[in-house]
Amino acid sequence: LSLSRSHTLCLVMLSLLLTHLGALALIYTLYQMQFVLLSFAVTAAWFTSLDLPYFLRAAAALVQGRFGRKRDITDVSEMWGMVLPGDVDFMFHMNNARYVRECDFGRLLLFYGNGVFPALHRLRKSVVLGASTVRYRRSLQPWQTYRLRCRVLCWDDKAFYVEQQFVSHDFVYCVLLAKQSLVGISPAEVLQSMGKNPTSPAVPDWVQHWMYANVSSSAALRQAN
């Protein structure tokens, strides 16, 4: 009888121990799930409020331009791209705004690769986008790959003028012309600090017309105000 009671007592103690261990395991599992849920919530907040993909793409372009192959001022830089589901609008082609966004990354790659942006950092000067014009020739479709080709066409005393083309299957789907304005310094001064020729190539006629249109628009706005 005493032996049976001992066995019963051992079984009770064992069941209590297993119950406590199960409770501890459940608490640990809930803690781990809470950590996972918290991590997911923080990541979701980053993606929704900070546009994390934009900063990741910009960082990738910066690193590629800074540490990749170096180019001369007027050399062409190329960036590979693909139309992803997040790039598509209700017309089921690449959203018009995405072209402009991709061009931001293209200019980062271009100006870090040719040394202009690092030179501006050394000179403690800054740069802004002064103007841009986009021409859409044909739609890029979902999952279609393309090359974004960027090059500096010319410059004046205030800005570099950049042509950016979206090319797929040897066809230019879209072209953007950008005025990359410098603040507190001229392109010639930046190029001289880099040991480059400060003389601009000849300005193409169509770029000259675009520059005149921008000047006329600014004059009209000043007059209206």
N, C-alpha and C. Protein backbone atom coordinates (compact mmCIF):
# COMPACT_ATOMS: atom_id res chain seq x y z
N LEU A 1 0.82 -1.20 0.00
CA LEU A 1 0.00 0.00 0.00
C LEU A 1 0.85 1.25 0.00
N SER A 2 1.91 1.25 0.81
CA SER A 2 2.82 2.41 0.85
C SER A 2 3.51 2.61 -0.48
N LEU A 3 3.83 1.47 -1.15
CA LEU A 3 4.49 1.56 -2.45
C LEU A 3 3.55 2.18 -3.48
N SER A 4 2.27 1.79 -3.41
CA SER A 4 1.30 2.35 -4.33
C SER A 4 1.13 3.84 -4.11
N ARG A 5 1.11 4.23 -2.81
CA ARG A 5 1.00 5.66 -2.52
C ARG A 5 2.22 6.42 -3.02
N SER A 6 3.40 5.83 -2.92
CA SER A 6 4.62 6.47 -3.41
C SER A 6 4.55 6.67 -4.92
N HIS A 7 4.04 5.64 -5.62
CA HIS A 7 3.91 5.77 -7.07
C HIS A 7 2.93 6.88 -7.44
N THR A 8 1.82 6.90 -6.68
CA THR A 8 0.82 7.94 -6.94
C THR A 8 1.40 9.32 -6.69
N LEU A 9 2.14 9.47 -5.59
CA LEU A 9 2.76 10.76 -5.27
C LEU A 9 3.75 11.17 -6.35
N CYS A 10 4.51 10.22 -6.84
CA CYS A 10 5.47 10.52 -7.90
C CYS A 10 4.76 10.96 -9.18
N LEU A 11 3.65 10.27 -9.50
CA LEU A 11 2.91 10.64 -10.70
C LEU A 11 2.31 12.03 -10.57
N VAL A 12 1.81 12.35 -9.38
CA VAL A 12 1.25 13.69 -9.16
C VAL A 12 2.33 14.76 -9.30
N MET A 13 3.49 14.50 -8.68
CA MET A 13 4.59 15.47 -8.77
C MET A 13 5.06 15.61 -10.23
N LEU A 14 5.11 14.48 -10.94
CA LEU A 14 5.54 14.53 -12.34
C LEU A 14 4.54 15.33 -13.19
N SER A 15 3.25 15.10 -12.94
CA SER A 15 2.24 15.84 -13.70
C SER A 15 2.30 17.33 -13.39
N LEU A 16 2.54 17.70 -12.12
CA LEU A 16 2.68 19.11 -11.76
C LEU A 16 3.89 19.74 -12.45
N LEU A 17 4.99 18.94 -12.48
CA LEU A 17 6.19 19.44 -13.14
C LEU A 17 5.96 19.66 -14.63
N LEU A 18 5.29 18.70 -15.28
CA LEU A 18 5.01 18.83 -16.70
C LEU A 18 4.05 20.00 -16.96
N THR A 19 3.12 20.20 -16.05
CA THR A 19 2.19 21.34 -16.19
C THR A 19 2.93 22.66 -16.12
N HIS A 20 3.86 22.76 -15.15
CA HIS A 20 4.66 23.99 -15.03
C HIS A 20 5.54 24.20 -16.25
N LEU A 21 6.15 23.10 -16.74
CA LEU A 21 6.98 23.22 -17.93
C LEU A 21 6.15 23.65 -19.14
N GLY A 22 4.96 23.08 -19.27
CA GLY A 22 4.08 23.48 -20.37
C GLY A 22 3.68 24.93 -20.28
N ALA A 23 3.41 25.40 -19.06
CA ALA A 23 3.06 26.80 -18.87
C ALA A 23 4.23 27.70 -19.25
N LEU A 24 5.44 27.30 -18.82
CA LEU A 24 6.62 28.09 -19.18
C LEU A 24 6.83 28.11 -20.69
N ALA A 25 6.64 26.96 -21.34
CA ALA A 25 6.78 26.90 -22.79
C ALA A 25 5.76 27.79 -23.48
N LEU A 26 4.51 27.81 -22.96
CA LEU A 26 3.48 28.65 -23.54
C LEU A 26 3.81 30.12 -23.37
N ILE A 27 4.31 30.49 -22.19
CA ILE A 27 4.70 31.87 -21.95
C ILE A 27 5.83 32.28 -22.88
N TYR A 28 6.82 31.39 -23.04
CA TYR A 28 7.94 31.68 -23.93
C TYR A 28 7.48 31.83 -25.37
N THR A 29 6.55 30.95 -25.80
CA THR A 29 6.03 31.03 -27.17
C THR A 29 5.28 32.33 -27.39
N LEU A 30 4.44 32.71 -26.40
CA LEU A 30 3.72 33.98 -26.52
C LEU A 30 4.68 35.16 -26.57
N TYR A 31 5.76 35.07 -25.79
CA TYR A 31 6.77 36.15 -25.80
C TYR A 31 7.42 36.24 -27.17
N GLN A 32 7.77 35.09 -27.75
CA GLN A 32 8.38 35.09 -29.07
C GLN A 32 7.40 35.63 -30.11
N MET A 33 6.14 35.25 -30.02
CA MET A 33 5.15 35.75 -30.97
C MET A 33 4.98 37.26 -30.82
N GLN A 34 5.03 37.73 -29.58
CA GLN A 34 4.92 39.17 -29.36
C GLN A 34 6.09 39.90 -30.00
N PHE A 35 7.30 39.33 -29.88
CA PHE A 35 8.48 39.93 -30.50
C PHE A 35 8.34 39.94 -32.02
N VAL A 36 7.85 38.82 -32.59
CA VAL A 36 7.67 38.74 -34.03
C VAL A 36 6.63 39.75 -34.50
N LEU A 37 5.52 39.84 -33.76
CA LEU A 37 4.47 40.79 -34.14
C LEU A 37 4.96 42.23 -34.04
N LEU A 38 5.75 42.51 -32.99
CA LEU A 38 6.29 43.85 -32.84
C LEU A 38 7.26 44.18 -33.98
N SER A 39 8.10 43.23 -34.35
CA SER A 39 9.03 43.44 -35.47
C SER A 39 8.26 43.67 -36.77
N PHE A 40 7.21 42.89 -36.97
CA PHE A 40 6.39 43.07 -38.18
C PHE A 40 5.73 44.44 -38.20
N ALA A 41 5.24 44.89 -37.03
CA ALA A 41 4.59 46.20 -36.96
C ALA A 41 5.57 47.33 -37.25
N VAL A 42 6.79 47.22 -36.71
CA VAL A 42 7.80 48.25 -36.95
C VAL A 42 8.19 48.28 -38.42
N THR A 43 8.38 47.10 -39.02
CA THR A 43 8.73 47.04 -40.44
C THR A 43 7.62 47.60 -41.31
N ALA A 44 6.37 47.26 -40.99
CA ALA A 44 5.24 47.79 -41.75
C ALA A 44 5.17 49.31 -41.64
N ALA A 45 5.45 49.83 -40.43
CA ALA A 45 5.43 51.29 -40.24
C ALA A 45 6.51 51.95 -41.07
N TRP A 46 7.70 51.33 -41.15
CA TRP A 46 8.78 51.88 -41.98
C TRP A 46 8.35 51.93 -43.44
N PHE A 47 7.77 50.83 -43.92
CA PHE A 47 7.41 50.76 -45.34
C PHE A 47 6.31 51.76 -45.68
N THR A 48 5.36 51.96 -44.77
CA THR A 48 4.22 52.82 -45.08
C THR A 48 4.51 54.30 -44.86
N SER A 49 5.34 54.63 -43.87
CA SER A 49 5.55 56.04 -43.54
C SER A 49 6.86 56.61 -44.08
N LEU A 50 7.87 55.76 -44.28
CA LEU A 50 9.17 56.26 -44.72
C LEU A 50 9.51 55.91 -46.17
N ASP A 51 8.63 55.17 -46.84
CA ASP A 51 8.91 54.72 -48.21
C ASP A 51 10.29 54.06 -48.27
N LEU A 52 10.44 53.03 -47.45
CA LEU A 52 11.73 52.36 -47.32
C LEU A 52 12.30 51.87 -48.64
N PRO A 53 11.49 51.32 -49.58
CA PRO A 53 12.08 50.90 -50.86
C PRO A 53 12.79 52.02 -51.60
N TYR A 54 12.25 53.25 -51.50
CA TYR A 54 12.91 54.38 -52.17
C TYR A 54 14.31 54.59 -51.61
N PHE A 55 14.44 54.61 -50.28
CA PHE A 55 15.74 54.87 -49.67
C PHE A 55 16.71 53.72 -49.92
N LEU A 56 16.20 52.49 -49.97
CA LEU A 56 17.07 51.35 -50.28
C LEU A 56 17.58 51.43 -51.71
N ARG A 57 16.70 51.79 -52.67
CA ARG A 57 17.13 51.94 -54.05
C ARG A 57 18.13 53.09 -54.19
N ALA A 58 17.85 54.20 -53.50
CA ALA A 58 18.76 55.35 -53.57
C ALA A 58 20.12 54.98 -52.99
N ALA A 59 20.13 54.24 -51.88
CA ALA A 59 21.40 53.82 -51.27
C ALA A 59 22.17 52.89 -52.20
N ALA A 60 21.45 51.99 -52.88
CA ALA A 60 22.11 51.07 -53.82
C ALA A 60 22.73 51.84 -54.98
N ALA A 61 22.00 52.82 -55.52
CA ALA A 61 22.54 53.63 -56.62
C ALA A 61 23.74 54.44 -56.17
N LEU A 62 23.68 54.97 -54.95
CA LEU A 62 24.80 55.76 -54.42
C LEU A 62 26.05 54.89 -54.28
N VAL A 63 25.88 53.69 -53.71
CA VAL A 63 27.02 52.79 -53.52
C VAL A 63 27.60 52.36 -54.86
N GLN A 64 26.71 52.02 -55.80
CA GLN A 64 27.19 51.61 -57.13
C GLN A 64 27.94 52.73 -57.82
N GLY A 65 27.42 53.97 -57.71
CA GLY A 65 28.11 55.09 -58.33
C GLY A 65 29.41 55.43 -57.65
N ARG A 66 29.43 55.34 -56.31
CA ARG A 66 30.61 55.74 -55.55
C ARG A 66 31.76 54.74 -55.70
N PHE A 67 31.42 53.46 -55.73
CA PHE A 67 32.46 52.43 -55.73
C PHE A 67 32.53 51.63 -57.02
N GLY A 68 31.66 51.94 -57.97
CA GLY A 68 31.69 51.23 -59.25
C GLY A 68 32.66 51.87 -60.23
N ARG A 69 32.46 51.56 -61.51
CA ARG A 69 33.35 52.07 -62.55
C ARG A 69 33.22 53.58 -62.68
N LYS A 70 34.34 54.27 -62.70
CA LYS A 70 34.35 55.73 -62.82
C LYS A 70 34.19 56.15 -64.28
N ARG A 71 33.51 57.28 -64.48
CA ARG A 71 33.22 57.77 -65.81
C ARG A 71 33.64 59.23 -65.95
N ASP A 72 33.82 59.65 -67.20
CA ASP A 72 34.06 61.06 -67.47
C ASP A 72 32.72 61.81 -67.39
N ILE A 73 32.79 63.13 -67.43
CA ILE A 73 31.60 63.95 -67.19
C ILE A 73 30.49 63.65 -68.19
N THR A 74 30.81 63.49 -69.44
CA THR A 74 29.78 63.29 -70.47
C THR A 74 29.58 61.83 -70.85
N ASP A 75 30.20 60.89 -70.12
CA ASP A 75 30.00 59.47 -70.41
C ASP A 75 28.58 59.03 -70.02
N VAL A 76 28.10 57.99 -70.69
CA VAL A 76 26.77 57.45 -70.42
C VAL A 76 26.85 56.46 -69.26
N SER A 77 25.92 56.57 -68.33
CA SER A 77 25.77 55.56 -67.28
C SER A 77 24.50 54.77 -67.53
N GLU A 78 24.49 53.50 -67.13
CA GLU A 78 23.33 52.64 -67.36
C GLU A 78 22.91 51.98 -66.06
N MET A 79 21.60 51.90 -65.87
CA MET A 79 21.02 51.21 -64.72
C MET A 79 19.95 50.25 -65.22
N TRP A 80 20.03 48.99 -64.75
CA TRP A 80 19.05 47.98 -65.16
C TRP A 80 17.80 48.11 -64.31
N GLY A 81 16.63 47.86 -64.92
CA GLY A 81 15.38 47.93 -64.18
C GLY A 81 14.35 46.95 -64.73
N MET A 82 13.31 46.71 -63.91
CA MET A 82 12.20 45.85 -64.32
C MET A 82 10.91 46.45 -63.76
N VAL A 83 9.83 46.35 -64.55
CA VAL A 83 8.53 46.86 -64.11
C VAL A 83 7.92 45.84 -63.16
N LEU A 84 7.88 46.16 -61.86
CA LEU A 84 7.34 45.28 -60.83
C LEU A 84 5.87 45.61 -60.58
N PRO A 85 5.14 44.71 -59.90
CA PRO A 85 3.72 44.98 -59.63
C PRO A 85 3.46 46.31 -58.93
N GLY A 86 4.37 46.74 -58.05
CA GLY A 86 4.20 48.02 -57.38
C GLY A 86 4.39 49.22 -58.28
N ASP A 87 4.92 49.01 -59.49
CA ASP A 87 5.12 50.11 -60.44
C ASP A 87 3.92 50.31 -61.38
N VAL A 88 2.95 49.39 -61.33
CA VAL A 88 1.87 49.36 -62.31
C VAL A 88 0.66 50.15 -61.80
N ASP A 89 0.01 50.90 -62.70
CA ASP A 89 -1.19 51.64 -62.33
C ASP A 89 -2.44 50.92 -62.85
N PHE A 90 -3.60 51.58 -62.75
CA PHE A 90 -4.86 50.94 -63.15
C PHE A 90 -4.96 50.70 -64.65
N MET A 91 -4.08 51.32 -65.43
CA MET A 91 -4.03 51.05 -66.87
C MET A 91 -3.17 49.83 -67.19
N PHE A 92 -2.64 49.20 -66.13
CA PHE A 92 -1.83 47.98 -66.23
C PHE A 92 -0.56 48.18 -67.04
N HIS A 93 0.05 49.35 -66.85
CA HIS A 93 1.39 49.59 -67.37
C HIS A 93 2.14 50.42 -66.34
N MET A 94 3.41 50.69 -66.58
CA MET A 94 4.21 51.41 -65.60
C MET A 94 3.65 52.82 -65.38
N ASN A 95 3.42 53.14 -64.11
CA ASN A 95 2.86 54.43 -63.73
C ASN A 95 3.76 55.56 -64.20
N ASN A 96 3.15 56.65 -64.68
CA ASN A 96 3.94 57.78 -65.19
C ASN A 96 4.91 58.34 -64.16
N ALA A 97 4.48 58.37 -62.90
CA ALA A 97 5.33 58.93 -61.86
C ALA A 97 6.55 58.06 -61.58
N ARG A 98 6.44 56.75 -61.88
CA ARG A 98 7.57 55.86 -61.62
C ARG A 98 8.78 56.18 -62.51
N TYR A 99 8.52 56.67 -63.71
CA TYR A 99 9.63 57.05 -64.59
C TYR A 99 10.46 58.16 -63.93
N VAL A 100 9.78 59.15 -63.38
CA VAL A 100 10.48 60.26 -62.73
C VAL A 100 11.24 59.77 -61.50
N ARG A 101 10.63 58.86 -60.75
CA ARG A 101 11.27 58.29 -59.56
C ARG A 101 12.55 57.53 -59.94
N GLU A 102 12.45 56.70 -60.98
CA GLU A 102 13.62 55.95 -61.43
C GLU A 102 14.74 56.88 -61.88
N CYS A 103 14.36 58.01 -62.48
CA CYS A 103 15.37 58.96 -62.94
C CYS A 103 16.14 59.57 -61.76
N ASP A 104 15.52 59.69 -60.60
CA ASP A 104 16.26 60.12 -59.40
C ASP A 104 17.44 59.20 -59.14
N PHE A 105 17.17 57.89 -59.18
CA PHE A 105 18.23 56.91 -58.95
C PHE A 105 19.28 56.96 -60.06
N GLY A 106 18.82 57.17 -61.28
CA GLY A 106 19.75 57.26 -62.41
C GLY A 106 20.71 58.42 -62.28
N ARG A 107 20.22 59.58 -61.81
CA ARG A 107 21.11 60.74 -61.65
C ARG A 107 22.07 60.54 -60.48
N LEU A 108 21.63 59.85 -59.44
CA LEU A 108 22.57 59.52 -58.35
C LEU A 108 23.73 58.69 -58.89
N LEU A 109 23.40 57.65 -59.65
CA LEU A 109 24.44 56.81 -60.23
C LEU A 109 25.34 57.61 -61.16
N LEU A 110 24.74 58.48 -61.99
CA LEU A 110 25.51 59.27 -62.95
C LEU A 110 26.48 60.22 -62.26
N PHE A 111 25.98 61.01 -61.32
CA PHE A 111 26.81 62.08 -60.74
C PHE A 111 27.77 61.58 -59.67
N TYR A 112 27.48 60.44 -59.05
CA TYR A 112 28.51 59.85 -58.19
C TYR A 112 29.56 59.14 -59.03
N GLY A 113 29.13 58.55 -60.15
CA GLY A 113 30.08 57.86 -61.02
C GLY A 113 31.04 58.79 -61.73
N ASN A 114 30.58 60.01 -62.12
CA ASN A 114 31.50 60.93 -62.79
C ASN A 114 32.20 61.90 -61.83
N GLY A 115 31.91 61.76 -60.54
CA GLY A 115 32.67 62.51 -59.53
C GLY A 115 32.12 63.87 -59.16
N VAL A 116 30.99 64.29 -59.77
CA VAL A 116 30.46 65.63 -59.49
C VAL A 116 29.92 65.73 -58.07
N PHE A 117 29.11 64.77 -57.64
CA PHE A 117 28.54 64.84 -56.29
C PHE A 117 29.62 64.75 -55.20
N PRO A 118 30.61 63.84 -55.31
CA PRO A 118 31.69 63.86 -54.31
C PRO A 118 32.43 65.19 -54.28
N ALA A 119 32.63 65.82 -55.45
CA ALA A 119 33.31 67.12 -55.48
C ALA A 119 32.46 68.18 -54.77
N LEU A 120 31.15 68.14 -54.96
CA LEU A 120 30.27 69.09 -54.27
C LEU A 120 30.33 68.89 -52.76
N HIS A 121 30.42 67.63 -52.32
CA HIS A 121 30.55 67.37 -50.88
C HIS A 121 31.84 67.97 -50.33
N ARG A 122 32.93 67.80 -51.08
CA ARG A 122 34.21 68.36 -50.62
C ARG A 122 34.15 69.89 -50.57
N LEU A 123 33.44 70.49 -51.51
CA LEU A 123 33.34 71.95 -51.56
C LEU A 123 32.24 72.50 -50.65
N ARG A 124 31.52 71.60 -49.97
CA ARG A 124 30.42 71.98 -49.07
C ARG A 124 29.33 72.77 -49.80
N LYS A 125 29.00 72.30 -51.01
CA LYS A 125 27.94 72.90 -51.81
C LYS A 125 26.84 71.86 -52.02
N SER A 126 25.70 72.34 -52.47
CA SER A 126 24.55 71.44 -52.64
C SER A 126 23.99 71.53 -54.06
N VAL A 127 23.01 70.68 -54.32
CA VAL A 127 22.44 70.58 -55.66
C VAL A 127 20.94 70.31 -55.52
N VAL A 128 20.16 70.85 -56.44
CA VAL A 128 18.71 70.62 -56.46
C VAL A 128 18.27 70.37 -57.90
N LEU A 129 17.10 69.77 -58.04
CA LEU A 129 16.52 69.60 -59.37
C LEU A 129 15.76 70.86 -59.72
N GLY A 130 16.25 71.60 -60.73
CA GLY A 130 15.64 72.87 -61.09
C GLY A 130 14.44 72.74 -62.01
N ALA A 131 14.44 71.74 -62.88
CA ALA A 131 13.33 71.55 -63.82
C ALA A 131 13.49 70.18 -64.48
N SER A 132 12.39 69.66 -64.98
CA SER A 132 12.44 68.41 -65.75
C SER A 132 11.24 68.33 -66.66
N THR A 133 11.42 67.69 -67.79
CA THR A 133 10.35 67.47 -68.76
C THR A 133 10.43 66.02 -69.22
N VAL A 134 9.26 65.37 -69.26
CA VAL A 134 9.20 63.96 -69.63
C VAL A 134 8.39 63.80 -70.92
N ARG A 135 8.89 62.96 -71.81
CA ARG A 135 8.15 62.59 -73.01
C ARG A 135 7.95 61.07 -73.00
N TYR A 136 6.67 60.65 -73.01
CA TYR A 136 6.34 59.22 -73.00
C TYR A 136 6.03 58.78 -74.44
N ARG A 137 6.79 57.81 -74.92
CA ARG A 137 6.64 57.38 -76.32
C ARG A 137 5.88 56.06 -76.43
N ARG A 138 6.10 55.17 -75.46
CA ARG A 138 5.42 53.87 -75.47
C ARG A 138 5.41 53.34 -74.04
N SER A 139 4.41 52.55 -73.70
CA SER A 139 4.25 52.07 -72.32
C SER A 139 5.16 50.87 -72.04
N LEU A 140 5.75 50.87 -70.86
CA LEU A 140 6.46 49.70 -70.36
C LEU A 140 5.46 48.80 -69.63
N GLN A 141 5.47 47.49 -69.96
CA GLN A 141 4.48 46.55 -69.44
C GLN A 141 5.03 45.82 -68.20
N PRO A 142 4.13 45.22 -67.39
CA PRO A 142 4.57 44.48 -66.20
C PRO A 142 5.60 43.41 -66.53
N TRP A 143 6.63 43.34 -65.70
CA TRP A 143 7.75 42.41 -65.80
C TRP A 143 8.69 42.69 -66.97
N GLN A 144 8.45 43.78 -67.69
CA GLN A 144 9.35 44.13 -68.79
C GLN A 144 10.64 44.73 -68.23
N THR A 145 11.76 44.32 -68.76
CA THR A 145 13.05 44.87 -68.34
C THR A 145 13.45 46.04 -69.24
N TYR A 146 14.28 46.90 -68.70
CA TYR A 146 14.72 48.08 -69.45
C TYR A 146 16.07 48.54 -68.93
N ARG A 147 16.70 49.41 -69.70
CA ARG A 147 17.93 50.09 -69.30
C ARG A 147 17.66 51.58 -69.20
N LEU A 148 18.05 52.17 -68.08
CA LEU A 148 17.95 53.61 -67.92
C LEU A 148 19.32 54.21 -68.23
N ARG A 149 19.41 54.89 -69.36
CA ARG A 149 20.67 55.48 -69.81
C ARG A 149 20.67 56.98 -69.50
N CYS A 150 21.71 57.43 -68.84
CA CYS A 150 21.80 58.84 -68.41
C CYS A 150 23.12 59.43 -68.88
N ARG A 151 23.06 60.69 -69.30
CA ARG A 151 24.29 61.38 -69.70
C ARG A 151 24.12 62.89 -69.55
N VAL A 152 25.22 63.56 -69.23
CA VAL A 152 25.24 65.01 -69.18
C VAL A 152 25.42 65.52 -70.60
N LEU A 153 24.46 66.34 -71.07
CA LEU A 153 24.54 66.88 -72.42
C LEU A 153 25.41 68.14 -72.47
N CYS A 154 25.23 69.02 -71.48
CA CYS A 154 25.92 70.31 -71.49
C CYS A 154 25.70 70.98 -70.14
N TRP A 155 26.23 72.17 -69.97
CA TRP A 155 26.02 72.95 -68.76
C TRP A 155 26.18 74.43 -69.05
N ASP A 156 25.62 75.24 -68.14
CA ASP A 156 25.80 76.69 -68.23
C ASP A 156 26.37 77.16 -66.90
N ASP A 157 26.14 78.42 -66.55
CA ASP A 157 26.75 78.93 -65.32
C ASP A 157 25.98 78.55 -64.06
N LYS A 158 24.86 77.81 -64.23
CA LYS A 158 24.06 77.47 -63.05
C LYS A 158 23.76 75.98 -62.90
N ALA A 159 23.76 75.23 -64.01
CA ALA A 159 23.24 73.87 -63.93
C ALA A 159 23.85 72.95 -64.98
N PHE A 160 23.78 71.64 -64.68
CA PHE A 160 24.04 70.60 -65.66
C PHE A 160 22.70 70.18 -66.28
N TYR A 161 22.73 69.85 -67.58
CA TYR A 161 21.53 69.41 -68.28
C TYR A 161 21.71 67.94 -68.66
N VAL A 162 20.78 67.12 -68.17
CA VAL A 162 20.93 65.67 -68.24
C VAL A 162 19.81 65.06 -69.06
N GLU A 163 20.16 64.17 -69.99
CA GLU A 163 19.18 63.40 -70.74
C GLU A 163 19.13 61.99 -70.17
N GLN A 164 17.91 61.48 -69.93
CA GLN A 164 17.72 60.14 -69.38
C GLN A 164 16.72 59.38 -70.24
N GLN A 165 17.11 58.20 -70.72
CA GLN A 165 16.29 57.42 -71.64
C GLN A 165 16.00 56.03 -71.06
N PHE A 166 14.73 55.62 -71.17
CA PHE A 166 14.33 54.26 -70.82
C PHE A 166 14.33 53.44 -72.12
N VAL A 167 15.24 52.50 -72.20
CA VAL A 167 15.46 51.75 -73.45
C VAL A 167 15.15 50.28 -73.21
N SER A 168 14.36 49.69 -74.10
CA SER A 168 14.08 48.25 -74.06
C SER A 168 13.96 47.75 -75.49
N HIS A 169 14.66 46.66 -75.78
CA HIS A 169 14.66 46.09 -77.14
C HIS A 169 15.05 47.14 -78.18
N ASP A 170 16.06 47.95 -77.83
CA ASP A 170 16.62 48.97 -78.72
C ASP A 170 15.62 50.06 -79.09
N PHE A 171 14.58 50.24 -78.29
CA PHE A 171 13.62 51.32 -78.52
C PHE A 171 13.56 52.22 -77.29
N VAL A 172 13.54 53.54 -77.51
CA VAL A 172 13.46 54.50 -76.41
C VAL A 172 11.99 54.69 -76.04
N TYR A 173 11.58 54.13 -74.90
CA TYR A 173 10.18 54.20 -74.46
C TYR A 173 9.84 55.55 -73.84
N CYS A 174 10.81 56.15 -73.20
CA CYS A 174 10.55 57.41 -72.50
C CYS A 174 11.86 58.18 -72.42
N VAL A 175 11.79 59.50 -72.51
CA VAL A 175 12.98 60.34 -72.38
C VAL A 175 12.67 61.49 -71.44
N LEU A 176 13.59 61.77 -70.53
CA LEU A 176 13.43 62.86 -69.57
C LEU A 176 14.64 63.78 -69.68
N LEU A 177 14.38 65.08 -69.68
CA LEU A 177 15.43 66.10 -69.67
C LEU A 177 15.38 66.80 -68.32
N ALA A 178 16.50 66.83 -67.62
CA ALA A 178 16.55 67.39 -66.28
C ALA A 178 17.58 68.51 -66.20
N LYS A 179 17.23 69.54 -65.45
CA LYS A 179 18.15 70.63 -65.13
C LYS A 179 18.62 70.43 -63.70
N GLN A 180 19.86 70.00 -63.53
CA GLN A 180 20.42 69.75 -62.21
C GLN A 180 21.15 71.01 -61.74
N SER A 181 20.44 71.82 -60.97
CA SER A 181 20.95 73.14 -60.57
C SER A 181 21.89 73.03 -59.37
N LEU A 182 22.98 73.80 -59.41
CA LEU A 182 23.93 73.86 -58.30
C LEU A 182 23.65 75.10 -57.46
N VAL A 183 23.89 75.00 -56.17
CA VAL A 183 23.62 76.09 -55.23
C VAL A 183 24.94 76.66 -54.73
N GLY A 184 25.18 77.94 -55.02
CA GLY A 184 26.36 78.61 -54.51
C GLY A 184 27.63 78.36 -55.27
N ILE A 185 27.54 77.72 -56.42
CA ILE A 185 28.73 77.43 -57.22
C ILE A 185 28.29 77.13 -58.64
N SER A 186 29.20 77.31 -59.60
CA SER A 186 28.88 77.01 -61.00
C SER A 186 29.46 75.66 -61.40
N PRO A 187 28.90 75.01 -62.43
CA PRO A 187 29.47 73.76 -62.92
C PRO A 187 30.93 73.90 -63.32
N ALA A 188 31.31 75.04 -63.91
CA ALA A 188 32.71 75.23 -64.32
C ALA A 188 33.65 75.19 -63.10
N GLU A 189 33.22 75.80 -62.00
CA GLU A 189 34.05 75.81 -60.79
C GLU A 189 34.20 74.41 -60.22
N VAL A 190 33.11 73.63 -60.26
CA VAL A 190 33.18 72.26 -59.78
C VAL A 190 34.13 71.43 -60.64
N LEU A 191 34.02 71.58 -61.95
CA LEU A 191 34.87 70.81 -62.85
C LEU A 191 36.34 71.21 -62.71
N GLN A 192 36.61 72.49 -62.50
CA GLN A 192 37.99 72.93 -62.28
C GLN A 192 38.56 72.32 -61.01
N SER A 193 37.74 72.20 -59.96
CA SER A 193 38.22 71.59 -58.72
C SER A 193 38.53 70.11 -58.90
N MET A 194 37.91 69.49 -59.92
CA MET A 194 38.15 68.08 -60.22
C MET A 194 39.27 67.89 -61.22
N GLY A 195 39.85 69.00 -61.75
CA GLY A 195 40.88 68.90 -62.77
C GLY A 195 40.32 68.58 -64.14
N LYS A 196 39.04 68.90 -64.38
CA LYS A 196 38.39 68.61 -65.65
C LYS A 196 38.28 69.88 -66.49
N ASN A 197 38.04 69.69 -67.77
CA ASN A 197 37.83 70.82 -68.68
C ASN A 197 36.49 71.49 -68.34
N PRO A 198 36.49 72.78 -67.98
CA PRO A 198 35.24 73.44 -67.57
C PRO A 198 34.37 73.91 -68.73
N THR A 199 34.85 73.75 -69.96
CA THR A 199 34.10 74.22 -71.13
C THR A 199 33.01 73.23 -71.49
N SER A 200 31.79 73.72 -71.61
CA SER A 200 30.66 72.85 -71.94
C SER A 200 30.67 72.45 -73.40
N PRO A 201 30.20 71.24 -73.70
CA PRO A 201 29.95 70.89 -75.11
C PRO A 201 28.88 71.81 -75.69
N ALA A 202 28.76 71.81 -77.00
CA ALA A 202 27.74 72.64 -77.65
C ALA A 202 26.35 72.23 -77.17
N VAL A 203 25.50 73.22 -76.94
CA VAL A 203 24.14 72.96 -76.47
C VAL A 203 23.27 72.54 -77.65
N PRO A 204 22.65 71.36 -77.62
CA PRO A 204 21.76 70.96 -78.73
C PRO A 204 20.61 71.95 -78.89
N ASP A 205 20.12 72.09 -80.13
CA ASP A 205 19.06 73.06 -80.40
C ASP A 205 17.82 72.81 -79.55
N TRP A 206 17.42 71.54 -79.44
CA TRP A 206 16.19 71.25 -78.70
C TRP A 206 16.35 71.55 -77.21
N VAL A 207 17.56 71.40 -76.68
CA VAL A 207 17.82 71.76 -75.29
C VAL A 207 17.81 73.27 -75.13
N GLN A 208 18.34 74.00 -76.13
CA GLN A 208 18.32 75.46 -76.10
C GLN A 208 16.89 75.98 -76.07
N HIS A 209 16.00 75.38 -76.85
CA HIS A 209 14.60 75.78 -76.85
C HIS A 209 13.96 75.53 -75.48
N TRP A 210 14.30 74.39 -74.89
CA TRP A 210 13.75 74.05 -73.57
C TRP A 210 14.25 75.03 -72.51
N MET A 211 15.52 75.40 -72.56
CA MET A 211 16.07 76.38 -71.63
C MET A 211 15.36 77.72 -71.77
N TYR A 212 15.10 78.11 -73.02
CA TYR A 212 14.40 79.38 -73.25
C TYR A 212 12.97 79.31 -72.70
N ALA A 213 12.32 78.17 -72.85
CA ALA A 213 10.96 78.01 -72.33
C ALA A 213 10.95 78.15 -70.81
N ASN A 214 11.95 77.59 -70.14
CA ASN A 214 12.03 77.72 -68.69
C ASN A 214 12.24 79.17 -68.27
N VAL A 215 13.12 79.88 -68.98
CA VAL A 215 13.36 81.29 -68.67
C VAL A 215 12.09 82.10 -68.87
N SER A 216 11.37 81.82 -69.97
CA SER A 216 10.12 82.55 -70.24
C SER A 216 9.08 82.26 -69.17
N SER A 217 9.00 81.01 -68.73
CA SER A 217 8.05 80.65 -67.68
C SER A 217 8.37 81.38 -66.38
N SER A 218 9.66 81.43 -66.01
CA SER A 218 10.06 82.14 -64.79
C SER A 218 9.72 83.62 -64.87
N ALA A 219 9.96 84.22 -66.04
CA ALA A 219 9.66 85.64 -66.21
C ALA A 219 8.16 85.90 -66.08
N ALA A 220 7.34 85.02 -66.64
CA ALA A 220 5.89 85.17 -66.55
C ALA A 220 5.41 85.04 -65.11
N LEU A 221 6.01 84.12 -64.36
CA LEU A 221 5.61 83.95 -62.96
C LEU A 221 6.01 85.15 -62.12
N ARG A 222 7.20 85.69 -62.37
CA ARG A 222 7.63 86.88 -61.63
C ARG A 222 6.71 88.07 -61.94
N GLN A 223 6.32 88.20 -63.20
CA GLN A 223 5.43 89.29 -63.59
C GLN A 223 4.06 89.14 -62.93
N ALA A 224 3.58 87.90 -62.85
CA ALA A 224 2.25 87.65 -62.25
C ALA A 224 2.25 87.93 -60.75
N ASN A 225 3.41 87.74 -60.12
CA ASN A 225 3.49 87.96 -58.68
C ASN A 225 3.91 89.39 -58.33
